[in-house]
Amino acid sequence: MEMIPIGKNAGMLWNLLESGSEFSVSQLVSKLDMTRDDLFSAIGWLAREGKIYCRKQDNELFFSNKCIQGYFHFG
């Protein structure tokens, strides 16, 4: 059985979001070099901690760690 480092991936995602920008799912997958499944696991980890925000535009999701107008918070 393969171990998925969800916490490690969440840390990588958090560090990227700390750059102050927002990213689409496709940008995050590319920049973090992880699968969509691993990315969404990391997003779930940060969402559980209340540390990630999301918005939808033209059927694409964007994520940030800053509460920007138009973003919603999980939980």
PDB file of N, CA and C in Angstrom:
ATOM      1  N   MET A   1       0.844  -1.181   0.000  1.00  0.00           N
ATOM      2  CA  MET A   1       0.000   0.000   0.000  1.00  0.00           C
ATOM      3  C   MET A   1       0.893   1.249   0.000  1.00  0.00           C
ATOM      4  N   GLU A   2       0.567   2.178  -0.886  1.00  0.00           N
ATOM      5  CA  GLU A   2       1.356   3.408  -0.990  1.00  0.00           C
ATOM      6  C   GLU A   2       0.895   4.425   0.047  1.00  0.00           C
ATOM      7  N   MET A   3       1.836   5.030   0.736  1.00  0.00           N
ATOM      8  CA  MET A   3       1.519   6.066   1.721  1.00  0.00           C
ATOM      9  C   MET A   3       1.461   7.421   1.012  1.00  0.00           C
ATOM     10  N   ILE A   4       0.381   8.152   1.229  1.00  0.00           N
ATOM     11  CA  ILE A   4       0.228   9.472   0.620  1.00  0.00           C
ATOM     12  C   ILE A   4       0.537  10.520   1.688  1.00  0.00           C
ATOM     13  N   PRO A   5       1.553  11.327   1.463  1.00  0.00           N
ATOM     14  CA  PRO A   5       1.969  12.329   2.456  1.00  0.00           C
ATOM     15  C   PRO A   5       1.061  13.569   2.418  1.00  0.00           C
ATOM     16  N   ILE A   6      -0.174  13.420   2.895  1.00  0.00           N
ATOM     17  CA  ILE A   6      -1.136  14.516   2.798  1.00  0.00           C
ATOM     18  C   ILE A   6      -0.641  15.750   3.542  1.00  0.00           C
ATOM     19  N   GLY A   7      -0.121  15.561   4.739  1.00  0.00           N
ATOM     20  CA  GLY A   7       0.378  16.697   5.512  1.00  0.00           C
ATOM     21  C   GLY A   7       1.538  17.396   4.817  1.00  0.00           C
ATOM     22  N   LYS A   8       2.437  16.612   4.234  1.00  0.00           N
ATOM     23  CA  LYS A   8       3.566  17.190   3.499  1.00  0.00           C
ATOM     24  C   LYS A   8       3.054  17.975   2.289  1.00  0.00           C
ATOM     25  N   ASN A   9       2.103  17.405   1.559  1.00  0.00           N
ATOM     26  CA  ASN A   9       1.531  18.094   0.405  1.00  0.00           C
ATOM     27  C   ASN A   9       0.800  19.366   0.816  1.00  0.00           C
ATOM     28  N   ALA A  10       0.103  19.307   1.946  1.00  0.00           N
ATOM     29  CA  ALA A  10      -0.584  20.503   2.452  1.00  0.00           C
ATOM     30  C   ALA A  10       0.431  21.597   2.779  1.00  0.00           C
ATOM     31  N   GLY A  11       1.577  21.215   3.331  1.00  0.00           N
ATOM     32  CA  GLY A  11       2.632  22.185   3.621  1.00  0.00           C
ATOM     33  C   GLY A  11       3.195  22.807   2.360  1.00  0.00           C
ATOM     34  N   MET A  12       3.387  21.993   1.335  1.00  0.00           N
ATOM     35  CA  MET A  12       3.879  22.513   0.051  1.00  0.00           C
ATOM     36  C   MET A  12       2.863  23.480  -0.550  1.00  0.00           C
ATOM     37  N   LEU A  13       1.589  23.120  -0.480  1.00  0.00           N
ATOM     38  CA  LEU A  13       0.535  23.986  -0.992  1.00  0.00           C
ATOM     39  C   LEU A  13       0.503  25.295  -0.217  1.00  0.00           C
ATOM     40  N   TRP A  14       0.570  25.224   1.102  1.00  0.00           N
ATOM     41  CA  TRP A  14       0.548  26.425   1.936  1.00  0.00           C
ATOM     42  C   TRP A  14       1.716  27.347   1.585  1.00  0.00           C
ATOM     43  N   ASN A  15       2.898  26.780   1.430  1.00  0.00           N
ATOM     44  CA  ASN A  15       4.075  27.593   1.091  1.00  0.00           C
ATOM     45  C   ASN A  15       3.900  28.298  -0.252  1.00  0.00           C
ATOM     46  N   LEU A  16       3.314  27.620  -1.219  1.00  0.00           N
ATOM     47  CA  LEU A  16       3.069  28.254  -2.504  1.00  0.00           C
ATOM     48  C   LEU A  16       2.036  29.377  -2.369  1.00  0.00           C
ATOM     49  N   LEU A  17       0.978  29.122  -1.620  1.00  0.00           N
ATOM     50  CA  LEU A  17      -0.056  30.145  -1.432  1.00  0.00           C
ATOM     51  C   LEU A  17       0.477  31.356  -0.671  1.00  0.00           C
ATOM     52  N   GLU A  18       1.493  31.159   0.126  1.00  0.00           N
ATOM     53  CA  GLU A  18       2.107  32.261   0.873  1.00  0.00           C
ATOM     54  C   GLU A  18       2.762  33.284  -0.051  1.00  0.00           C
ATOM     55  N   SER A  19       2.946  32.938  -1.306  1.00  0.00           N
ATOM     56  CA  SER A  19       3.524  33.892  -2.252  1.00  0.00           C
ATOM     57  C   SER A  19       2.580  35.066  -2.493  1.00  0.00           C
ATOM     58  N   GLY A  20       1.353  34.936  -1.997  1.00  0.00           N
ATOM     59  CA  GLY A  20       0.408  36.045  -2.069  1.00  0.00           C
ATOM     60  C   GLY A  20      -0.462  36.044  -3.296  1.00  0.00           C
ATOM     61  N   SER A  21      -0.374  35.024  -4.094  1.00  0.00           N
ATOM     62  CA  SER A  21      -1.143  34.966  -5.320  1.00  0.00           C
ATOM     63  C   SER A  21      -2.270  33.959  -5.181  1.00  0.00           C
ATOM     64  N   GLU A  22      -3.162  33.958  -6.154  1.00  0.00           N
ATOM     65  CA  GLU A  22      -4.182  32.918  -6.233  1.00  0.00           C
ATOM     66  C   GLU A  22      -3.818  32.008  -7.385  1.00  0.00           C
ATOM     67  N   PHE A  23      -4.249  30.775  -7.295  1.00  0.00           N
ATOM     68  CA  PHE A  23      -3.897  29.794  -8.306  1.00  0.00           C
ATOM     69  C   PHE A  23      -5.104  28.959  -8.672  1.00  0.00           C
ATOM     70  N   SER A  24      -5.194  28.596  -9.949  1.00  0.00           N
ATOM     71  CA  SER A  24      -6.223  27.664 -10.398  1.00  0.00           C
ATOM     72  C   SER A  24      -5.754  26.244 -10.072  1.00  0.00           C
ATOM     73  N   VAL A  25      -6.667  25.299 -10.178  1.00  0.00           N
ATOM     74  CA  VAL A  25      -6.313  23.905  -9.923  1.00  0.00           C
ATOM     75  C   VAL A  25      -5.220  23.454 -10.884  1.00  0.00           C
ATOM     76  N   SER A  26      -5.352  23.772 -12.148  1.00  0.00           N
ATOM     77  CA  SER A  26      -4.336  23.340 -13.118  1.00  0.00           C
ATOM     78  C   SER A  26      -2.978  23.973 -12.823  1.00  0.00           C
ATOM     79  N   GLN A  27      -2.958  25.224 -12.396  1.00  0.00           N
ATOM     80  CA  GLN A  27      -1.688  25.868 -12.027  1.00  0.00           C
ATOM     81  C   GLN A  27      -1.070  25.180 -10.813  1.00  0.00           C
ATOM     82  N   LEU A  28      -1.900  24.853  -9.824  1.00  0.00           N
ATOM     83  CA  LEU A  28      -1.390  24.202  -8.614  1.00  0.00           C
ATOM     84  C   LEU A  28      -0.817  22.823  -8.926  1.00  0.00           C
ATOM     85  N   VAL A  29      -1.524  22.038  -9.729  1.00  0.00           N
ATOM     86  CA  VAL A  29      -1.036  20.710 -10.105  1.00  0.00           C
ATOM     87  C   VAL A  29       0.322  20.837 -10.781  1.00  0.00           C
ATOM     88  N   SER A  30       0.454  21.802 -11.676  1.00  0.00           N
ATOM     89  CA  SER A  30       1.706  21.997 -12.404  1.00  0.00           C
ATOM     90  C   SER A  30       2.825  22.488 -11.486  1.00  0.00           C
ATOM     91  N   LYS A  31       2.552  23.521 -10.716  1.00  0.00           N
ATOM     92  CA  LYS A  31       3.593  24.116  -9.864  1.00  0.00           C
ATOM     93  C   LYS A  31       4.037  23.180  -8.745  1.00  0.00           C
ATOM     94  N   LEU A  32       3.109  22.391  -8.213  1.00  0.00           N
ATOM     95  CA  LEU A  32       3.433  21.506  -7.092  1.00  0.00           C
ATOM     96  C   LEU A  32       3.850  20.109  -7.533  1.00  0.00           C
ATOM     97  N   ASP A  33       3.681  19.831  -8.829  1.00  0.00           N
ATOM     98  CA  ASP A  33       4.040  18.526  -9.380  1.00  0.00           C
ATOM     99  C   ASP A  33       3.401  17.392  -8.574  1.00  0.00           C
ATOM    100  N   MET A  34       2.070  17.480  -8.424  1.00  0.00           N
ATOM    101  CA  MET A  34       1.331  16.417  -7.752  1.00  0.00           C
ATOM    102  C   MET A  34       0.054  16.132  -8.526  1.00  0.00           C
ATOM    103  N   THR A  35      -0.526  14.995  -8.266  1.00  0.00           N
ATOM    104  CA  THR A  35      -1.763  14.631  -8.946  1.00  0.00           C
ATOM    105  C   THR A  35      -2.917  15.479  -8.422  1.00  0.00           C
ATOM    106  N   ARG A  36      -3.998  15.510  -9.193  1.00  0.00           N
ATOM    107  CA  ARG A  36      -5.200  16.232  -8.744  1.00  0.00           C
ATOM    108  C   ARG A  36      -5.718  15.638  -7.438  1.00  0.00           C
ATOM    109  N   ASP A  37      -5.679  14.309  -7.313  1.00  0.00           N
ATOM    110  CA  ASP A  37      -6.140  13.657  -6.084  1.00  0.00           C
ATOM    111  C   ASP A  37      -5.316  14.113  -4.886  1.00  0.00           C
ATOM    112  N   ASP A  38      -3.990  14.136  -5.051  1.00  0.00           N
ATOM    113  CA  ASP A  38      -3.125  14.585  -3.958  1.00  0.00           C
ATOM    114  C   ASP A  38      -3.362  16.059  -3.649  1.00  0.00           C
ATOM    115  N   LEU A  39      -3.571  16.863  -4.687  1.00  0.00           N
ATOM    116  CA  LEU A  39      -3.843  18.281  -4.474  1.00  0.00           C
ATOM    117  C   LEU A  39      -5.124  18.468  -3.678  1.00  0.00           C
ATOM    118  N   PHE A  40      -6.193  17.774  -4.062  1.00  0.00           N
ATOM    119  CA  PHE A  40      -7.453  17.955  -3.352  1.00  0.00           C
ATOM    120  C   PHE A  40      -7.399  17.397  -1.929  1.00  0.00           C
ATOM    121  N   SER A  41      -6.565  16.403  -1.691  1.00  0.00           N
ATOM    122  CA  SER A  41      -6.339  15.945  -0.317  1.00  0.00           C
ATOM    123  C   SER A  41      -5.670  17.040   0.500  1.00  0.00           C
ATOM    124  N   ALA A  42      -4.680  17.701  -0.097  1.00  0.00           N
ATOM    125  CA  ALA A  42      -3.987  18.799   0.583  1.00  0.00           C
ATOM    126  C   ALA A  42      -4.932  19.969   0.816  1.00  0.00           C
ATOM    127  N   ILE A  43      -5.781  20.273  -0.157  1.00  0.00           N
ATOM    128  CA  ILE A  43      -6.775  21.341   0.003  1.00  0.00           C
ATOM    129  C   ILE A  43      -7.718  20.989   1.147  1.00  0.00           C
ATOM    130  N   GLY A  44      -8.139  19.734   1.211  1.00  0.00           N
ATOM    131  CA  GLY A  44      -9.009  19.288   2.297  1.00  0.00           C
ATOM    132  C   GLY A  44      -8.356  19.447   3.658  1.00  0.00           C
ATOM    133  N   TRP A  45      -7.080  19.142   3.738  1.00  0.00           N
ATOM    134  CA  TRP A  45      -6.319  19.291   4.989  1.00  0.00           C
ATOM    135  C   TRP A  45      -6.347  20.759   5.438  1.00  0.00           C
ATOM    136  N   LEU A  46      -6.019  21.658   4.502  1.00  0.00           N
ATOM    137  CA  LEU A  46      -6.007  23.087   4.844  1.00  0.00           C
ATOM    138  C   LEU A  46      -7.418  23.612   5.111  1.00  0.00           C
ATOM    139  N   ALA A  47      -8.405  23.074   4.398  1.00  0.00           N
ATOM    140  CA  ALA A  47      -9.792  23.493   4.629  1.00  0.00           C
ATOM    141  C   ALA A  47     -10.237  23.108   6.038  1.00  0.00           C
ATOM    142  N   ARG A  48      -9.852  21.933   6.473  1.00  0.00           N
ATOM    143  CA  ARG A  48     -10.206  21.477   7.830  1.00  0.00           C
ATOM    144  C   ARG A  48      -9.601  22.399   8.880  1.00  0.00           C
ATOM    145  N   GLU A  49      -8.447  22.959   8.576  1.00  0.00           N
ATOM    146  CA  GLU A  49      -7.782  23.882   9.501  1.00  0.00           C
ATOM    147  C   GLU A  49      -8.249  25.327   9.311  1.00  0.00           C
ATOM    148  N   GLY A  50      -9.151  25.554   8.339  1.00  0.00           N
ATOM    149  CA  GLY A  50      -9.659  26.905   8.086  1.00  0.00           C
ATOM    150  C   GLY A  50      -8.624  27.837   7.480  1.00  0.00           C
ATOM    151  N   LYS A  51      -7.715  27.283   6.675  1.00  0.00           N
ATOM    152  CA  LYS A  51      -6.590  28.065   6.157  1.00  0.00           C
ATOM    153  C   LYS A  51      -6.603  28.269   4.649  1.00  0.00           C
ATOM    154  N   ILE A  52      -7.715  27.975   3.980  1.00  0.00           N
ATOM    155  CA  ILE A  52      -7.743  28.110   2.528  1.00  0.00           C
ATOM    156  C   ILE A  52      -9.094  28.657   2.086  1.00  0.00           C
ATOM    157  N   TYR A  53      -9.057  29.443   1.045  1.00  0.00           N
ATOM    158  CA  TYR A  53     -10.256  30.071   0.496  1.00  0.00           C
ATOM    159  C   TYR A  53     -10.362  29.713  -0.981  1.00  0.00           C
ATOM    160  N   CYS A  54     -11.577  29.746  -1.489  1.00  0.00           N
ATOM    161  CA  CYS A  54     -11.829  29.308  -2.853  1.00  0.00           C
ATOM    162  C   CYS A  54     -12.827  30.236  -3.533  1.00  0.00           C
ATOM    163  N   ARG A  55     -12.694  30.369  -4.830  1.00  0.00           N
ATOM    164  CA  ARG A  55     -13.705  31.052  -5.626  1.00  0.00           C
ATOM    165  C   ARG A  55     -13.828  30.328  -6.957  1.00  0.00           C
ATOM    166  N   LYS A  56     -14.976  30.488  -7.573  1.00  0.00           N
ATOM    167  CA  LYS A  56     -15.215  29.852  -8.865  1.00  0.00           C
ATOM    168  C   LYS A  56     -15.442  30.933  -9.904  1.00  0.00           C
ATOM    169  N   GLN A  57     -14.763  30.802 -11.031  1.00  0.00           N
ATOM    170  CA  GLN A  57     -14.922  31.741 -12.130  1.00  0.00           C
ATOM    171  C   GLN A  57     -14.876  30.951 -13.426  1.00  0.00           C
ATOM    172  N   ASP A  58     -15.897  31.104 -14.238  1.00  0.00           N
ATOM    173  CA  ASP A  58     -15.954  30.415 -15.537  1.00  0.00           C
ATOM    174  C   ASP A  58     -15.659  28.916 -15.409  1.00  0.00           C
ATOM    175  N   ASN A  59     -16.317  28.278 -14.462  1.00  0.00           N
ATOM    176  CA  ASN A  59     -16.176  26.829 -14.224  1.00  0.00           C
ATOM    177  C   ASN A  59     -14.774  26.399 -13.815  1.00  0.00           C
ATOM    178  N   GLU A  60     -13.986  27.318 -13.308  1.00  0.00           N
ATOM    179  CA  GLU A  60     -12.657  26.975 -12.800  1.00  0.00           C
ATOM    180  C   GLU A  60     -12.558  27.432 -11.346  1.00  0.00           C
ATOM    181  N   LEU A  61     -11.939  26.588 -10.521  1.00  0.00           N
ATOM    182  CA  LEU A  61     -11.735  26.924  -9.113  1.00  0.00           C
ATOM    183  C   LEU A  61     -10.380  27.591  -8.929  1.00  0.00           C
ATOM    184  N   PHE A  62     -10.352  28.618  -8.082  1.00  0.00           N
ATOM    185  CA  PHE A  62      -9.123  29.318  -7.718  1.00  0.00           C
ATOM    186  C   PHE A  62      -8.977  29.264  -6.206  1.00  0.00           C
ATOM    187  N   PHE A  63      -7.749  29.093  -5.737  1.00  0.00           N
ATOM    188  CA  PHE A  63      -7.488  28.971  -4.305  1.00  0.00           C
ATOM    189  C   PHE A  63      -6.482  30.013  -3.849  1.00  0.00           C
ATOM    190  N   SER A  64      -6.654  30.433  -2.601  1.00  0.00           N
ATOM    191  CA  SER A  64      -5.768  31.395  -1.971  1.00  0.00           C
ATOM    192  C   SER A  64      -5.785  31.134  -0.469  1.00  0.00           C
ATOM    193  N   ASN A  65      -4.789  31.631   0.234  1.00  0.00           N
ATOM    194  CA  ASN A  65      -4.837  31.565   1.688  1.00  0.00           C
ATOM    195  C   ASN A  65      -5.233  32.917   2.282  1.00  0.00           C
ATOM    196  N   LYS A  66      -5.668  33.811   1.415  1.00  0.00           N
ATOM    197  CA  LYS A  66      -6.139  35.131   1.842  1.00  0.00           C
ATOM    198  C   LYS A  66      -7.632  35.232   1.557  1.00  0.00           C
ATOM    199  N   CYS A  67      -8.350  35.890   2.431  1.00  0.00           N
ATOM    200  CA  CYS A  67      -9.783  36.092   2.230  1.00  0.00           C
ATOM    201  C   CYS A  67      -9.971  37.311   1.328  1.00  0.00           C
ATOM    202  N   ILE A  68     -10.218  37.064   0.060  1.00  0.00           N
ATOM    203  CA  ILE A  68     -10.384  38.095  -0.954  1.00  0.00           C
ATOM    204  C   ILE A  68     -11.866  38.162  -1.297  1.00  0.00           C
ATOM    205  N   GLN A  69     -12.338  39.328  -1.651  1.00  0.00           N
ATOM    206  CA  GLN A  69     -13.741  39.469  -2.005  1.00  0.00           C
ATOM    207  C   GLN A  69     -14.117  38.453  -3.092  1.00  0.00           C
ATOM    208  N   GLY A  70     -15.231  37.778  -2.891  1.00  0.00           N
ATOM    209  CA  GLY A  70     -15.679  36.774  -3.837  1.00  0.00           C
ATOM    210  C   GLY A  70     -15.252  35.367  -3.481  1.00  0.00           C
ATOM    211  N   TYR A  71     -14.368  35.223  -2.508  1.00  0.00           N
ATOM    212  CA  TYR A  71     -13.921  33.903  -2.072  1.00  0.00           C
ATOM    213  C   TYR A  71     -14.858  33.383  -0.989  1.00  0.00           C
ATOM    214  N   PHE A  72     -14.957  32.071  -0.902  1.00  0.00           N
ATOM    215  CA  PHE A  72     -15.689  31.482   0.216  1.00  0.00           C
ATOM    216  C   PHE A  72     -14.729  30.624   1.031  1.00  0.00           C
ATOM    217  N   HIS A  73     -15.115  30.451   2.277  1.00  0.00           N
ATOM    218  CA  HIS A  73     -14.331  29.732   3.243  1.00  0.00           C
ATOM    219  C   HIS A  73     -15.004  28.392   3.502  1.00  0.00           C
ATOM    220  N   PHE A  74     -14.231  27.353   3.619  1.00  0.00           N
ATOM    221  CA  PHE A  74     -14.793  26.035   3.921  1.00  0.00           C
ATOM    222  C   PHE A  74     -15.138  25.954   5.398  1.00  0.00           C
ATOM    223  N   GLY A  75     -16.151  25.169   5.701  1.00  0.00           N
ATOM    224  CA  GLY A  75     -16.447  24.872   7.098  1.00  0.00           C
ATOM    225  C   GLY A  75     -17.446  25.660   7.761  1.00  0.00           C
TER     226      GLY A  75
END
